[in-house]
Amino acid sequence: MREVSRGLTNILTAGTYIKGNLRADAGIRIDGMIEGEVIVNDTLVLGKTGVIKGTIQTKNALIGGKVIGGIKSQGKIELKAGSVVNGDIICKRLSIENGVIFDGFCKMSGEKLNTAGKDIPVGK
């Protein structure tokens, strides 16, 4: 997993469990489990053994584990093979590898998809 802005200065290892909210100003890697809201002002890396039950707000996210809740990113979300996301996603860019289970809706911010109720022609 790549694209780390300032580096991962926080690590929650496998076998660690937190019930409550988590806020990190720098990047964080989570291989354990968190039940609660997760707010990361840099990059969130959720390893293959990582589980988050709650909402996520972050700059960028690389998801390799399981998320039960929504993800809101200011930038890019990458869903890695084997990851599971049960919840809605809001982001600017989204990358989904083969083998991902995603059950939810996705909204990508940016240009409007239609104007005044008129559909934009495909391929033009």
C-alpha atoms as a PDB file:
ATOM      1  CA  MET A   1       0.000   0.000   0.000  1.00  0.00           C
ATOM      2  CA  ARG A   2       1.389   3.364  -0.987  1.00  0.00           C
ATOM      3  CA  GLU A   3       0.654   7.114  -1.222  1.00  0.00           C
ATOM      4  CA  VAL A   4       1.527   8.310   2.239  1.00  0.00           C
ATOM      5  CA  SER A   5       1.867  12.074   2.630  1.00  0.00           C
ATOM      6  CA  ARG A   6       3.844  12.666   5.838  1.00  0.00           C
ATOM      7  CA  GLY A   7       4.435   9.042   6.727  1.00  0.00           C
ATOM      8  CA  LEU A   8       2.605   6.797   9.129  1.00  0.00           C
ATOM      9  CA  THR A   9       3.432   8.055  12.578  1.00  0.00           C
ATOM     10  CA  ASN A  10       0.758   5.994  14.350  1.00  0.00           C
ATOM     11  CA  ILE A  11       0.221   2.237  14.279  1.00  0.00           C
ATOM     12  CA  LEU A  12      -2.555   0.201  15.894  1.00  0.00           C
ATOM     13  CA  THR A  13      -1.317  -3.389  15.779  1.00  0.00           C
ATOM     14  CA  ALA A  14      -3.301  -6.603  15.304  1.00  0.00           C
ATOM     15  CA  GLY A  15      -4.861  -7.819  18.547  1.00  0.00           C
ATOM     16  CA  THR A  16      -5.526  -4.254  19.746  1.00  0.00           C
ATOM     17  CA  TYR A  17      -9.149  -3.197  20.330  1.00  0.00           C
ATOM     18  CA  ILE A  18     -10.429   0.335  20.887  1.00  0.00           C
ATOM     19  CA  LYS A  19     -14.024   1.228  21.689  1.00  0.00           C
ATOM     20  CA  GLY A  20     -14.401   4.976  21.257  1.00  0.00           C
ATOM     21  CA  ASN A  21     -13.482   7.709  18.829  1.00  0.00           C
ATOM     22  CA  LEU A  22     -10.013   8.084  17.336  1.00  0.00           C
ATOM     23  CA  ARG A  23      -8.501  11.301  15.962  1.00  0.00           C
ATOM     24  CA  ALA A  24      -5.058  11.509  14.327  1.00  0.00           C
ATOM     25  CA  ASP A  25      -3.400  14.562  12.788  1.00  0.00           C
ATOM     26  CA  ALA A  26      -0.791  12.461  10.975  1.00  0.00           C
ATOM     27  CA  GLY A  27      -1.085   9.213   9.025  1.00  0.00           C
ATOM     28  CA  ILE A  28      -2.114   6.022  10.796  1.00  0.00           C
ATOM     29  CA  ARG A  29      -2.054   2.305  10.048  1.00  0.00           C
ATOM     30  CA  ILE A  30      -4.711   0.165  11.707  1.00  0.00           C
ATOM     31  CA  ASP A  31      -4.306  -3.611  11.904  1.00  0.00           C
ATOM     32  CA  GLY A  32      -6.492  -3.981  15.009  1.00  0.00           C
ATOM     33  CA  MET A  33     -10.169  -3.164  15.609  1.00  0.00           C
ATOM     34  CA  ILE A  34     -11.898   0.137  16.335  1.00  0.00           C
ATOM     35  CA  GLU A  35     -15.554   0.671  17.233  1.00  0.00           C
ATOM     36  CA  GLY A  36     -16.303   4.371  16.861  1.00  0.00           C
ATOM     37  CA  GLU A  37     -15.645   7.385  14.690  1.00  0.00           C
ATOM     38  CA  VAL A  38     -12.198   7.613  13.061  1.00  0.00           C
ATOM     39  CA  ILE A  39     -10.911  11.025  11.917  1.00  0.00           C
ATOM     40  CA  VAL A  40      -7.504  11.184  10.231  1.00  0.00           C
ATOM     41  CA  ASN A  41      -6.117  14.433   8.799  1.00  0.00           C
ATOM     42  CA  ASP A  42      -3.654  12.563   6.578  1.00  0.00           C
ATOM     43  CA  THR A  43      -3.626   9.016   5.163  1.00  0.00           C
ATOM     44  CA  LEU A  44      -5.460   6.116   6.801  1.00  0.00           C
ATOM     45  CA  VAL A  45      -4.143   2.636   6.010  1.00  0.00           C
ATOM     46  CA  LEU A  46      -6.411  -0.210   7.121  1.00  0.00           C
ATOM     47  CA  GLY A  47      -4.423  -3.445   6.942  1.00  0.00           C
ATOM     48  CA  LYS A  48      -5.871  -6.857   6.015  1.00  0.00           C
ATOM     49  CA  THR A  49      -6.525  -7.705   9.691  1.00  0.00           C
ATOM     50  CA  GLY A  50      -7.938  -4.262  10.465  1.00  0.00           C
ATOM     51  CA  VAL A  51     -11.629  -3.688  11.238  1.00  0.00           C
ATOM     52  CA  ILE A  52     -13.425  -0.376  11.713  1.00  0.00           C
ATOM     53  CA  LYS A  53     -17.033  -0.365  12.904  1.00  0.00           C
ATOM     54  CA  GLY A  54     -18.023   3.271  12.560  1.00  0.00           C
ATOM     55  CA  THR A  55     -17.643   6.268  10.310  1.00  0.00           C
ATOM     56  CA  ILE A  56     -14.340   7.328   8.785  1.00  0.00           C
ATOM     57  CA  GLN A  57     -13.267  10.847   7.767  1.00  0.00           C
ATOM     58  CA  THR A  58      -9.832  11.170   6.195  1.00  0.00           C
ATOM     59  CA  LYS A  59      -7.683  12.890   3.595  1.00  0.00           C
ATOM     60  CA  ASN A  60      -6.834   9.626   1.762  1.00  0.00           C
ATOM     61  CA  ALA A  61      -7.578   5.986   2.569  1.00  0.00           C
ATOM     62  CA  LEU A  62      -6.084   2.635   1.592  1.00  0.00           C
ATOM     63  CA  ILE A  63      -8.478  -0.083   2.734  1.00  0.00           C
ATOM     64  CA  GLY A  64      -7.290  -3.680   2.953  1.00  0.00           C
ATOM     65  CA  GLY A  65      -9.495  -4.846   5.840  1.00  0.00           C
ATOM     66  CA  LYS A  66     -13.154  -4.495   6.805  1.00  0.00           C
ATOM     67  CA  VAL A  67     -15.207  -1.325   7.265  1.00  0.00           C
ATOM     68  CA  ILE A  68     -18.750  -1.373   8.627  1.00  0.00           C
ATOM     69  CA  GLY A  69     -19.797   2.245   8.206  1.00  0.00           C
ATOM     70  CA  GLY A  70     -19.318   5.133   5.829  1.00  0.00           C
ATOM     71  CA  ILE A  71     -16.063   6.552   4.490  1.00  0.00           C
ATOM     72  CA  LYS A  72     -15.628  10.220   3.596  1.00  0.00           C
ATOM     73  CA  SER A  73     -12.356  11.247   1.959  1.00  0.00           C
ATOM     74  CA  GLN A  74     -11.121  14.635   0.773  1.00  0.00           C
ATOM     75  CA  GLY A  75      -8.992  12.860  -1.828  1.00  0.00           C
ATOM     76  CA  LYS A  76      -8.604   9.248  -2.905  1.00  0.00           C
ATOM     77  CA  ILE A  77      -9.897   5.955  -1.531  1.00  0.00           C
ATOM     78  CA  GLU A  78      -8.243   2.712  -2.642  1.00  0.00           C
ATOM     79  CA  LEU A  79     -10.077  -0.552  -1.935  1.00  0.00           C
ATOM     80  CA  LYS A  80      -7.557  -3.384  -2.053  1.00  0.00           C
ATOM     81  CA  ALA A  81      -8.302  -6.991  -3.048  1.00  0.00           C
ATOM     82  CA  GLY A  82      -9.940  -8.877  -0.174  1.00  0.00           C
ATOM     83  CA  SER A  83     -11.309  -5.773   1.543  1.00  0.00           C
ATOM     84  CA  VAL A  84     -14.953  -5.438   2.615  1.00  0.00           C
ATOM     85  CA  VAL A  85     -16.860  -2.156   2.876  1.00  0.00           C
ATOM     86  CA  ASN A  86     -20.455  -2.124   4.143  1.00  0.00           C
ATOM     87  CA  GLY A  87     -21.395   1.538   3.942  1.00  0.00           C
ATOM     88  CA  ASP A  88     -21.492   4.574   1.702  1.00  0.00           C
ATOM     89  CA  ILE A  89     -18.413   6.254   0.239  1.00  0.00           C
ATOM     90  CA  ILE A  90     -17.893   9.940  -0.533  1.00  0.00           C
ATOM     91  CA  CYS A  91     -14.624  10.882  -2.236  1.00  0.00           C
ATOM     92  CA  LYS A  92     -13.012  12.646  -5.177  1.00  0.00           C
ATOM     93  CA  ARG A  93     -11.255   9.559  -6.585  1.00  0.00           C
ATOM     94  CA  LEU A  94     -11.954   5.853  -6.071  1.00  0.00           C
ATOM     95  CA  SER A  95      -9.912   2.786  -7.002  1.00  0.00           C
ATOM     96  CA  ILE A  96     -11.390  -0.708  -6.563  1.00  0.00           C
ATOM     97  CA  GLU A  97      -9.326  -3.855  -7.171  1.00  0.00           C
ATOM     98  CA  ASN A  98     -10.783  -7.240  -8.152  1.00  0.00           C
ATOM     99  CA  GLY A  99     -11.994  -9.244  -5.160  1.00  0.00           C
ATOM    100  CA  VAL A 100     -13.420  -6.306  -3.172  1.00  0.00           C
ATOM    101  CA  ILE A 101     -16.848  -6.563  -1.553  1.00  0.00           C
ATOM    102  CA  PHE A 102     -18.541  -3.142  -1.537  1.00  0.00           C
ATOM    103  CA  ASP A 103     -22.151  -2.857  -0.366  1.00  0.00           C
ATOM    104  CA  GLY A 104     -23.217   0.766  -0.391  1.00  0.00           C
ATOM    105  CA  PHE A 105     -23.503   3.878  -2.500  1.00  0.00           C
ATOM    106  CA  CYS A 106     -20.692   6.030  -3.823  1.00  0.00           C
ATOM    107  CA  LYS A 107     -20.743   9.759  -4.440  1.00  0.00           C
ATOM    108  CA  MET A 108     -17.779  11.318  -6.194  1.00  0.00           C
ATOM    109  CA  SER A 109     -17.574  15.059  -5.725  1.00  0.00           C
ATOM    110  CA  GLY A 110     -16.538  17.333  -8.552  1.00  0.00           C
ATOM    111  CA  GLU A 111     -18.406  18.326 -11.662  1.00  0.00           C
ATOM    112  CA  LYS A 112     -22.155  17.917 -11.720  1.00  0.00           C
ATOM    113  CA  LEU A 113     -23.398  14.790 -13.477  1.00  0.00           C
ATOM    114  CA  ASN A 114     -26.406  16.537 -14.975  1.00  0.00           C
ATOM    115  CA  THR A 115     -27.716  20.050 -15.293  1.00  0.00           C
ATOM    116  CA  ALA A 116     -31.325  21.212 -15.062  1.00  0.00           C
ATOM    117  CA  GLY A 117     -32.538  17.616 -14.968  1.00  0.00           C
ATOM    118  CA  LYS A 118     -31.030  16.812 -18.378  1.00  0.00           C
ATOM    119  CA  ASP A 119     -28.816  13.773 -18.799  1.00  0.00           C
ATOM    120  CA  ILE A 120     -25.317  14.277 -20.171  1.00  0.00           C
ATOM    121  CA  PRO A 121     -24.799  12.228 -23.365  1.00  0.00           C
ATOM    122  CA  VAL A 122     -22.406   9.298 -22.899  1.00  0.00           C
ATOM    123  CA  GLY A 123     -19.222   9.297 -24.974  1.00  0.00           C
ATOM    124  CA  LYS A 124     -19.383  12.948 -26.087  1.00  0.00           C
END
